[in-house]
Amino acid sequence: MVSSDQRRRQLAREKFERQQQRREKARKKTKQRNAVIAAVIAVVLASGGAVYAGVSLGGGDDKKDDNASSSADNSPSPEPSETESKAPEPAMAIDKKAKYTFSIDTNEGGLSIAMDAAKTPHTVNSFKALADKGYFDGTKCHRLTTQGIFVLQCGDPKGDGTGGPGYTIPDENLTSLGKAGADGAVTYKAGTVAMANTGQPGTGGSQFFLVYKDTKLPPSYTPFGTLDAESLKIVEAVGKAGVEGGATDGAPKKPVTIEKAAVPKA
């Protein structure tokens, strides 16, 4: 007879195998999609058009390859996993009327991000829950973009754009971005900190991006924080250093590692 402990281990193994299969499928889909988008971007550039329309900010976890990112389209988007493997977001444990600070110690210096729980309660609550358990500590900011959009993307424990916390949170505060123009975009101003996602509603996880230069994007990425002036200078320096190998989208040439993150009440 199989013991309950053995059965639990068996179920855990099966769940892990399903997740690995989904991730591999997602990687293949992303690789194919990136090849197509890279070709489209080349055509757009040749015609003098804007690049942002072909560049999204995705992020992923084992459920949906969620939050900001891979190469050309920034979206490592694994398909949604089975219902049983989707974890609930953390229980609400913050003061929804308070302001918080997302404080990040990196190898390049400290970053201070002001957050308003009244505007983005689910996002602030999730980041505090993750930071309290050391989720971000020791992770790398895995992606930098230097053409079309200007962001540094972080928050993936896997460091490849496909990692996430195992749950998603709803989009918030999108109306604060203003009305989209004829091109379907709004301006995310330098200093804005926003959630990455798969491009689909409600797919934010743990990945986020720091805007170091005004960037036009669709109004679909939750803006939840603002870098202070000194923090913005640090991210600008990373952007100025460029991407590894001289590319315009990829790992930053100047590596950025989150050494410690915390979300205290301001």
C-alpha atoms as a PDB file:
ATOM      1  CA  MET A   1       0.000   0.000   0.000  1.00  0.00           C
ATOM      2  CA  VAL A   2       1.265   3.468  -0.869  1.00  0.00           C
ATOM      3  CA  SER A   3       1.638   5.684   2.180  1.00  0.00           C
ATOM      4  CA  SER A   4       0.227   9.220   2.256  1.00  0.00           C
ATOM      5  CA  ASP A   5       3.791  10.582   2.310  1.00  0.00           C
ATOM      6  CA  GLN A   6       4.743   8.579  -0.769  1.00  0.00           C
ATOM      7  CA  ARG A   7       1.574   9.742  -2.506  1.00  0.00           C
ATOM      8  CA  ARG A   8       2.411  13.381  -1.740  1.00  0.00           C
ATOM      9  CA  ARG A   9       5.889  12.927  -3.193  1.00  0.00           C
ATOM     10  CA  GLN A  10       4.453  11.281  -6.284  1.00  0.00           C
ATOM     11  CA  LEU A  11       1.989  14.140  -6.817  1.00  0.00           C
ATOM     12  CA  ALA A  12       4.795  16.668  -6.323  1.00  0.00           C
ATOM     13  CA  ARG A  13       6.918  14.901  -8.955  1.00  0.00           C
ATOM     14  CA  GLU A  14       4.033  14.816 -11.414  1.00  0.00           C
ATOM     15  CA  LYS A  15       3.322  18.506 -10.868  1.00  0.00           C
ATOM     16  CA  PHE A  16       7.006  19.352 -11.421  1.00  0.00           C
ATOM     17  CA  GLU A  17       7.081  17.336 -14.642  1.00  0.00           C
ATOM     18  CA  ARG A  18       3.979  19.147 -15.937  1.00  0.00           C
ATOM     19  CA  GLN A  19       5.551  22.489 -15.134  1.00  0.00           C
ATOM     20  CA  GLN A  20       8.769  21.545 -16.944  1.00  0.00           C
ATOM     21  CA  GLN A  21       6.813  20.470 -20.003  1.00  0.00           C
ATOM     22  CA  ARG A  22       4.914  23.769 -20.025  1.00  0.00           C
ATOM     23  CA  ARG A  23       8.110  25.767 -19.673  1.00  0.00           C
ATOM     24  CA  GLU A  24       9.783  23.925 -22.532  1.00  0.00           C
ATOM     25  CA  LYS A  25       6.733  24.454 -24.718  1.00  0.00           C
ATOM     26  CA  ALA A  26       6.713  28.127 -23.810  1.00  0.00           C
ATOM     27  CA  ARG A  27      10.417  28.535 -24.619  1.00  0.00           C
ATOM     28  CA  LYS A  28       9.878  27.077 -28.077  1.00  0.00           C
ATOM     29  CA  LYS A  29       6.867  29.313 -28.702  1.00  0.00           C
ATOM     30  CA  THR A  30       8.760  32.383 -27.495  1.00  0.00           C
ATOM     31  CA  LYS A  31      11.757  31.580 -29.693  1.00  0.00           C
ATOM     32  CA  GLN A  32       9.518  31.272 -32.755  1.00  0.00           C
ATOM     33  CA  ARG A  33       7.600  34.432 -31.886  1.00  0.00           C
ATOM     34  CA  ASN A  34      10.780  36.413 -31.259  1.00  0.00           C
ATOM     35  CA  ALA A  35      12.119  35.470 -34.672  1.00  0.00           C
ATOM     36  CA  VAL A  36       8.975  36.780 -36.318  1.00  0.00           C
ATOM     37  CA  ILE A  37       8.908  39.971 -34.239  1.00  0.00           C
ATOM     38  CA  ALA A  38      12.594  40.631 -34.897  1.00  0.00           C
ATOM     39  CA  ALA A  39      11.836  40.539 -38.608  1.00  0.00           C
ATOM     40  CA  VAL A  40       8.883  42.899 -38.139  1.00  0.00           C
ATOM     41  CA  ILE A  41      10.982  45.319 -36.098  1.00  0.00           C
ATOM     42  CA  ALA A  42      13.630  45.329 -38.813  1.00  0.00           C
ATOM     43  CA  VAL A  43      10.985  46.350 -41.334  1.00  0.00           C
ATOM     44  CA  VAL A  44       9.578  49.019 -39.011  1.00  0.00           C
ATOM     45  CA  LEU A  45      13.015  50.478 -38.403  1.00  0.00           C
ATOM     46  CA  ALA A  46      13.714  50.515 -42.110  1.00  0.00           C
ATOM     47  CA  SER A  47      10.572  52.540 -42.643  1.00  0.00           C
ATOM     48  CA  GLY A  48      11.348  54.934 -39.794  1.00  0.00           C
ATOM     49  CA  GLY A  49       8.419  53.796 -37.644  1.00  0.00           C
ATOM     50  CA  ALA A  50       8.140  53.384 -33.892  1.00  0.00           C
ATOM     51  CA  VAL A  51       9.428  50.194 -32.317  1.00  0.00           C
ATOM     52  CA  TYR A  52       7.359  50.045 -29.153  1.00  0.00           C
ATOM     53  CA  ALA A  53       4.402  48.388 -30.850  1.00  0.00           C
ATOM     54  CA  GLY A  54       6.474  45.287 -31.438  1.00  0.00           C
ATOM     55  CA  VAL A  55       8.080  45.234 -28.036  1.00  0.00           C
ATOM     56  CA  SER A  56       6.070  44.238 -24.999  1.00  0.00           C
ATOM     57  CA  LEU A  57       7.086  43.697 -21.431  1.00  0.00           C
ATOM     58  CA  GLY A  58       6.250  40.200 -20.394  1.00  0.00           C
ATOM     59  CA  GLY A  59       7.042  38.178 -17.349  1.00  0.00           C
ATOM     60  CA  GLY A  60       6.459  34.556 -16.557  1.00  0.00           C
ATOM     61  CA  ASP A  61       6.004  31.890 -14.015  1.00  0.00           C
ATOM     62  CA  ASP A  62       5.133  28.244 -14.176  1.00  0.00           C
ATOM     63  CA  LYS A  63       1.463  29.112 -14.643  1.00  0.00           C
ATOM     64  CA  LYS A  64       1.557  31.555 -17.416  1.00  0.00           C
ATOM     65  CA  ASP A  65       4.961  32.717 -18.142  1.00  0.00           C
ATOM     66  CA  ASP A  66       3.850  35.951 -16.629  1.00  0.00           C
ATOM     67  CA  ASN A  67       5.839  39.582 -16.061  1.00  0.00           C
ATOM     68  CA  ALA A  68       8.033  41.106 -18.281  1.00  0.00           C
ATOM     69  CA  SER A  69      10.345  39.421 -20.811  1.00  0.00           C
ATOM     70  CA  SER A  70      12.626  37.736 -23.099  1.00  0.00           C
ATOM     71  CA  SER A  71      14.284  39.157 -26.098  1.00  0.00           C
ATOM     72  CA  ALA A  72      12.585  40.874 -28.976  1.00  0.00           C
ATOM     73  CA  ASP A  73       9.045  40.954 -27.626  1.00  0.00           C
ATOM     74  CA  ASN A  74       9.843  40.796 -23.961  1.00  0.00           C
ATOM     75  CA  SER A  75       7.227  38.237 -23.345  1.00  0.00           C
ATOM     76  CA  PRO A  76       8.174  34.788 -22.248  1.00  0.00           C
ATOM     77  CA  SER A  77       4.588  33.683 -22.132  1.00  0.00           C
ATOM     78  CA  PRO A  78       3.993  30.119 -21.151  1.00  0.00           C
ATOM     79  CA  GLU A  79       0.432  29.016 -21.414  1.00  0.00           C
ATOM     80  CA  PRO A  80      -1.762  29.056 -18.299  1.00  0.00           C
ATOM     81  CA  SER A  81      -1.252  25.952 -16.255  1.00  0.00           C
ATOM     82  CA  GLU A  82      -3.895  23.613 -14.966  1.00  0.00           C
ATOM     83  CA  THR A  83      -6.224  25.046 -12.381  1.00  0.00           C
ATOM     84  CA  GLU A  84      -4.843  22.902  -9.611  1.00  0.00           C
ATOM     85  CA  SER A  85      -1.350  24.362  -9.922  1.00  0.00           C
ATOM     86  CA  LYS A  86      -2.440  28.006  -9.636  1.00  0.00           C
ATOM     87  CA  ALA A  87      -1.749  29.414  -6.205  1.00  0.00           C
ATOM     88  CA  PRO A  88      -3.823  32.263  -4.742  1.00  0.00           C
ATOM     89  CA  GLU A  89      -2.270  35.674  -4.311  1.00  0.00           C
ATOM     90  CA  PRO A  90      -1.184  36.536  -0.741  1.00  0.00           C
ATOM     91  CA  ALA A  91      -3.945  37.448   1.692  1.00  0.00           C
ATOM     92  CA  MET A  92      -4.320  41.209   2.075  1.00  0.00           C
ATOM     93  CA  ALA A  93      -2.145  42.250   4.995  1.00  0.00           C
ATOM     94  CA  ILE A  94      -1.243  45.872   4.324  1.00  0.00           C
ATOM     95  CA  ASP A  95      -2.842  49.175   5.234  1.00  0.00           C
ATOM     96  CA  LYS A  96      -4.664  50.101   2.027  1.00  0.00           C
ATOM     97  CA  LYS A  97      -4.623  53.784   2.950  1.00  0.00           C
ATOM     98  CA  ALA A  98      -0.881  53.960   3.588  1.00  0.00           C
ATOM     99  CA  LYS A  99       2.169  54.704   1.503  1.00  0.00           C
ATOM    100  CA  TYR A 100       5.031  52.213   1.320  1.00  0.00           C
ATOM    101  CA  THR A 101       8.595  52.208   0.038  1.00  0.00           C
ATOM    102  CA  PHE A 102       9.997  49.418  -2.121  1.00  0.00           C
ATOM    103  CA  SER A 103      13.593  49.609  -0.920  1.00  0.00           C
ATOM    104  CA  ILE A 104      16.123  47.678  -3.025  1.00  0.00           C
ATOM    105  CA  ASP A 105      19.802  47.291  -2.217  1.00  0.00           C
ATOM    106  CA  THR A 106      21.748  46.458  -5.384  1.00  0.00           C
ATOM    107  CA  ASN A 107      25.417  46.085  -6.253  1.00  0.00           C
ATOM    108  CA  GLU A 108      25.114  49.411  -8.098  1.00  0.00           C
ATOM    109  CA  GLY A 109      23.536  51.263  -5.186  1.00  0.00           C
ATOM    110  CA  GLY A 110      20.272  51.594  -3.324  1.00  0.00           C
ATOM    111  CA  LEU A 111      16.974  52.135  -5.111  1.00  0.00           C
ATOM    112  CA  SER A 112      14.009  53.738  -3.388  1.00  0.00           C
ATOM    113  CA  ILE A 113      10.574  53.338  -4.966  1.00  0.00           C
ATOM    114  CA  ALA A 114       7.570  55.201  -3.534  1.00  0.00           C
ATOM    115  CA  MET A 115       4.325  53.185  -3.602  1.00  0.00           C
ATOM    116  CA  ASP A 116       0.756  54.215  -2.796  1.00  0.00           C
ATOM    117  CA  ALA A 117      -1.347  51.328  -1.488  1.00  0.00           C
ATOM    118  CA  ALA A 118      -4.543  53.270  -2.072  1.00  0.00           C
ATOM    119  CA  LYS A 119      -3.890  53.125  -5.822  1.00  0.00           C
ATOM    120  CA  THR A 120      -2.333  49.669  -6.127  1.00  0.00           C
ATOM    121  CA  PRO A 121      -3.271  47.607  -3.033  1.00  0.00           C
ATOM    122  CA  HIS A 122      -2.869  44.171  -4.632  1.00  0.00           C
ATOM    123  CA  THR A 123       0.509  45.049  -6.106  1.00  0.00           C
ATOM    124  CA  VAL A 124       1.870  46.593  -2.912  1.00  0.00           C
ATOM    125  CA  ASN A 125       0.548  43.716  -0.822  1.00  0.00           C
ATOM    126  CA  SER A 126       2.126  41.147  -3.134  1.00  0.00           C
ATOM    127  CA  PHE A 127       5.508  42.884  -3.213  1.00  0.00           C
ATOM    128  CA  LYS A 128       5.562  43.204   0.562  1.00  0.00           C
ATOM    129  CA  ALA A 129       4.688  39.531   1.008  1.00  0.00           C
ATOM    130  CA  LEU A 130       7.422  38.494  -1.443  1.00  0.00           C
ATOM    131  CA  ALA A 131      10.038  40.858  -0.004  1.00  0.00           C
ATOM    132  CA  ASP A 132       9.273  39.742   3.567  1.00  0.00           C
ATOM    133  CA  LYS A 133      10.229  36.185   2.673  1.00  0.00           C
ATOM    134  CA  GLY A 134      13.381  37.206   0.765  1.00  0.00           C
ATOM    135  CA  TYR A 135      11.970  36.334  -2.648  1.00  0.00           C
ATOM    136  CA  PHE A 136      13.907  39.046  -4.503  1.00  0.00           C
ATOM    137  CA  ASP A 137      17.176  38.694  -2.586  1.00  0.00           C
ATOM    138  CA  GLY A 138      20.071  37.530  -4.736  1.00  0.00           C
ATOM    139  CA  THR A 139      18.168  37.898  -8.029  1.00  0.00           C
ATOM    140  CA  LYS A 140      19.423  39.655 -11.144  1.00  0.00           C
ATOM    141  CA  CYS A 141      17.807  42.341 -13.229  1.00  0.00           C
ATOM    142  CA  HIS A 142      17.826  40.159 -16.293  1.00  0.00           C
ATOM    143  CA  ARG A 143      16.852  42.500 -19.094  1.00  0.00           C
ATOM    144  CA  LEU A 144      17.692  45.944 -20.432  1.00  0.00           C
ATOM    145  CA  THR A 145      16.197  47.613 -23.508  1.00  0.00           C
ATOM    146  CA  THR A 146      17.869  50.568 -25.181  1.00  0.00           C
ATOM    147  CA  GLN A 147      15.839  51.165 -28.350  1.00  0.00           C
ATOM    148  CA  GLY A 148      12.146  51.896 -28.712  1.00  0.00           C
ATOM    149  CA  ILE A 149      11.536  51.292 -25.021  1.00  0.00           C
ATOM    150  CA  PHE A 150      13.953  52.173 -22.253  1.00  0.00           C
ATOM    151  CA  VAL A 151      13.595  49.926 -19.230  1.00  0.00           C
ATOM    152  CA  LEU A 152      15.503  47.705 -16.836  1.00  0.00           C
ATOM    153  CA  GLN A 153      13.505  44.600 -15.937  1.00  0.00           C
ATOM    154  CA  CYS A 154      13.885  42.735 -12.653  1.00  0.00           C
ATOM    155  CA  GLY A 155      12.012  40.444 -10.277  1.00  0.00           C
ATOM    156  CA  ASP A 156      12.588  37.055 -11.907  1.00  0.00           C
ATOM    157  CA  PRO A 157      14.186  34.511  -9.558  1.00  0.00           C
ATOM    158  CA  LYS A 158      15.137  32.396 -12.582  1.00  0.00           C
ATOM    159  CA  GLY A 159      16.873  35.285 -14.290  1.00  0.00           C
ATOM    160  CA  ASP A 160      15.630  34.435 -17.782  1.00  0.00           C
ATOM    161  CA  GLY A 161      12.260  36.166 -17.967  1.00  0.00           C
ATOM    162  CA  THR A 162      10.143  33.087 -17.279  1.00  0.00           C
ATOM    163  CA  GLY A 163      10.085  33.058 -13.481  1.00  0.00           C
ATOM    164  CA  GLY A 164       7.305  34.098 -11.160  1.00  0.00           C
ATOM    165  CA  PRO A 165       5.742  33.501  -7.747  1.00  0.00           C
ATOM    166  CA  GLY A 166       3.192  30.897  -8.862  1.00  0.00           C
ATOM    167  CA  TYR A 167       0.241  33.281  -8.730  1.00  0.00           C
ATOM    168  CA  THR A 168      -0.950  36.384 -10.552  1.00  0.00           C
ATOM    169  CA  ILE A 169      -2.384  39.696  -9.395  1.00  0.00           C
ATOM    170  CA  PRO A 170      -4.938  41.987 -11.044  1.00  0.00           C
ATOM    171  CA  ASP A 171      -4.005  45.054 -13.078  1.00  0.00           C
ATOM    172  CA  GLU A 172      -4.344  48.320 -11.170  1.00  0.00           C
ATOM    173  CA  ASN A 173      -4.059  52.080 -11.624  1.00  0.00           C
ATOM    174  CA  LEU A 174      -4.106  51.886 -15.433  1.00  0.00           C
ATOM    175  CA  THR A 175      -6.325  54.953 -15.827  1.00  0.00           C
ATOM    176  CA  SER A 176      -3.600  57.102 -14.244  1.00  0.00           C
ATOM    177  CA  LEU A 177      -1.613  56.725 -17.451  1.00  0.00           C
ATOM    178  CA  GLY A 178      -4.053  58.883 -19.363  1.00  0.00           C
ATOM    179  CA  LYS A 179      -5.864  58.212 -22.612  1.00  0.00           C
ATOM    180  CA  ALA A 180      -4.010  56.254 -25.277  1.00  0.00           C
ATOM    181  CA  GLY A 181      -3.223  58.100 -28.482  1.00  0.00           C
ATOM    182  CA  ALA A 182      -4.047  57.036 -32.013  1.00  0.00           C
ATOM    183  CA  ASP A 183      -1.088  54.677 -31.860  1.00  0.00           C
ATOM    184  CA  GLY A 184      -2.617  52.889 -28.851  1.00  0.00           C
ATOM    185  CA  ALA A 185       0.170  53.977 -26.530  1.00  0.00           C
ATOM    186  CA  VAL A 186       0.720  56.196 -23.519  1.00  0.00           C
ATOM    187  CA  THR A 187       3.933  57.583 -22.097  1.00  0.00           C
ATOM    188  CA  TYR A 188       5.506  55.860 -19.118  1.00  0.00           C
ATOM    189  CA  LYS A 189       7.648  58.674 -17.798  1.00  0.00           C
ATOM    190  CA  ALA A 190      11.236  58.218 -16.657  1.00  0.00           C
ATOM    191  CA  GLY A 191      11.239  57.078 -13.045  1.00  0.00           C
ATOM    192  CA  THR A 192       8.049  55.035 -13.385  1.00  0.00           C
ATOM    193  CA  VAL A 193       8.098  51.491 -11.994  1.00  0.00           C
ATOM    194  CA  ALA A 194       5.513  49.136 -13.466  1.00  0.00           C
ATOM    195  CA  MET A 195       4.504  45.493 -13.565  1.00  0.00           C
ATOM    196  CA  ALA A 196       5.510  43.257 -16.421  1.00  0.00           C
ATOM    197  CA  ASN A 197       2.977  40.762 -17.755  1.00  0.00           C
ATOM    198  CA  THR A 198       2.260  38.450 -20.670  1.00  0.00           C
ATOM    199  CA  GLY A 199       0.308  41.077 -22.537  1.00  0.00           C
ATOM    200  CA  GLN A 200      -2.950  39.616 -21.258  1.00  0.00           C
ATOM    201  CA  PRO A 201      -5.042  41.206 -18.473  1.00  0.00           C
ATOM    202  CA  GLY A 202      -4.362  40.092 -14.905  1.00  0.00           C
ATOM    203  CA  THR A 203      -1.091  38.260 -15.586  1.00  0.00           C
ATOM    204  CA  GLY A 204       1.301  40.218 -13.369  1.00  0.00           C
ATOM    205  CA  GLY A 205       3.488  38.152 -11.055  1.00  0.00           C
ATOM    206  CA  SER A 206       6.788  39.297  -9.578  1.00  0.00           C
ATOM    207  CA  GLN A 207       8.590  40.840 -12.546  1.00  0.00           C
ATOM    208  CA  PHE A 208       8.669  44.610 -12.829  1.00  0.00           C
ATOM    209  CA  PHE A 209      10.452  47.206 -14.918  1.00  0.00           C
ATOM    210  CA  LEU A 210      12.164  50.501 -14.144  1.00  0.00           C
ATOM    211  CA  VAL A 211      11.730  53.189 -16.792  1.00  0.00           C
ATOM    212  CA  TYR A 212      14.906  55.256 -17.170  1.00  0.00           C
ATOM    213  CA  LYS A 213      13.787  57.330 -20.163  1.00  0.00           C
ATOM    214  CA  ASP A 214      10.286  58.319 -21.307  1.00  0.00           C
ATOM    215  CA  THR A 215       8.831  55.272 -23.034  1.00  0.00           C
ATOM    216  CA  LYS A 216       5.679  54.727 -25.096  1.00  0.00           C
ATOM    217  CA  LEU A 217       3.819  51.498 -24.380  1.00  0.00           C
ATOM    218  CA  PRO A 218       0.226  50.269 -24.369  1.00  0.00           C
ATOM    219  CA  PRO A 219      -1.550  51.252 -21.109  1.00  0.00           C
ATOM    220  CA  SER A 220      -1.609  47.674 -19.862  1.00  0.00           C
ATOM    221  CA  TYR A 221       1.260  47.555 -17.365  1.00  0.00           C
ATOM    222  CA  THR A 222       0.343  48.493 -13.788  1.00  0.00           C
ATOM    223  CA  PRO A 223       2.304  51.609 -12.740  1.00  0.00           C
ATOM    224  CA  PHE A 224       2.835  51.079  -9.024  1.00  0.00           C
ATOM    225  CA  GLY A 225       5.831  53.134  -8.013  1.00  0.00           C
ATOM    226  CA  THR A 226       8.191  56.021  -8.684  1.00  0.00           C
ATOM    227  CA  LEU A 227      11.974  56.087  -8.365  1.00  0.00           C
ATOM    228  CA  ASP A 228      13.466  58.989  -6.470  1.00  0.00           C
ATOM    229  CA  ALA A 229      16.017  61.189  -8.267  1.00  0.00           C
ATOM    230  CA  GLU A 230      19.139  59.385  -7.025  1.00  0.00           C
ATOM    231  CA  SER A 231      17.681  55.981  -7.836  1.00  0.00           C
ATOM    232  CA  LEU A 232      16.815  57.109 -11.351  1.00  0.00           C
ATOM    233  CA  LYS A 233      20.422  58.196 -11.900  1.00  0.00           C
ATOM    234  CA  ILE A 234      21.602  54.691 -11.015  1.00  0.00           C
ATOM    235  CA  VAL A 235      19.239  53.085 -13.518  1.00  0.00           C
ATOM    236  CA  GLU A 236      20.134  55.673 -16.170  1.00  0.00           C
ATOM    237  CA  ALA A 237      23.797  54.710 -15.765  1.00  0.00           C
ATOM    238  CA  VAL A 238      22.929  51.061 -16.328  1.00  0.00           C
ATOM    239  CA  GLY A 239      21.007  52.039 -19.442  1.00  0.00           C
ATOM    240  CA  LYS A 240      23.873  54.167 -20.722  1.00  0.00           C
ATOM    241  CA  ALA A 241      26.293  51.249 -20.352  1.00  0.00           C
ATOM    242  CA  GLY A 242      24.133  49.293 -22.764  1.00  0.00           C
ATOM    243  CA  VAL A 243      23.346  45.655 -23.403  1.00  0.00           C
ATOM    244  CA  GLU A 244      25.816  42.788 -23.520  1.00  0.00           C
ATOM    245  CA  GLY A 245      27.277  42.222 -26.954  1.00  0.00           C
ATOM    246  CA  GLY A 246      26.081  45.583 -28.226  1.00  0.00           C
ATOM    247  CA  ALA A 247      22.483  44.428 -28.658  1.00  0.00           C
ATOM    248  CA  THR A 248      19.500  46.653 -27.894  1.00  0.00           C
ATOM    249  CA  ASP A 249      17.575  44.101 -25.818  1.00  0.00           C
ATOM    250  CA  GLY A 250      19.115  41.595 -23.449  1.00  0.00           C
ATOM    251  CA  ALA A 251      21.197  41.255 -20.308  1.00  0.00           C
ATOM    252  CA  PRO A 252      22.626  44.606 -19.166  1.00  0.00           C
ATOM    253  CA  LYS A 253      26.336  45.061 -19.809  1.00  0.00           C
ATOM    254  CA  LYS A 254      26.579  46.464 -16.294  1.00  0.00           C
ATOM    255  CA  PRO A 255      25.080  43.594 -14.221  1.00  0.00           C
ATOM    256  CA  VAL A 256      22.561  44.546 -11.556  1.00  0.00           C
ATOM    257  CA  THR A 257      21.872  42.168  -8.670  1.00  0.00           C
ATOM    258  CA  ILE A 258      19.232  42.751  -6.028  1.00  0.00           C
ATOM    259  CA  GLU A 259      21.045  42.001  -2.782  1.00  0.00           C
ATOM    260  CA  LYS A 260      18.164  42.787  -0.450  1.00  0.00           C
ATOM    261  CA  ALA A 261      14.611  44.060  -0.871  1.00  0.00           C
ATOM    262  CA  ALA A 262      12.123  45.304   1.696  1.00  0.00           C
ATOM    263  CA  VAL A 263       8.734  47.058   1.669  1.00  0.00           C
ATOM    264  CA  PRO A 264       8.352  49.113   4.866  1.00  0.00           C
ATOM    265  CA  LYS A 265       5.521  51.554   5.468  1.00  0.00           C
ATOM    266  CA  ALA A 266       6.706  55.035   4.514  1.00  0.00           C
END
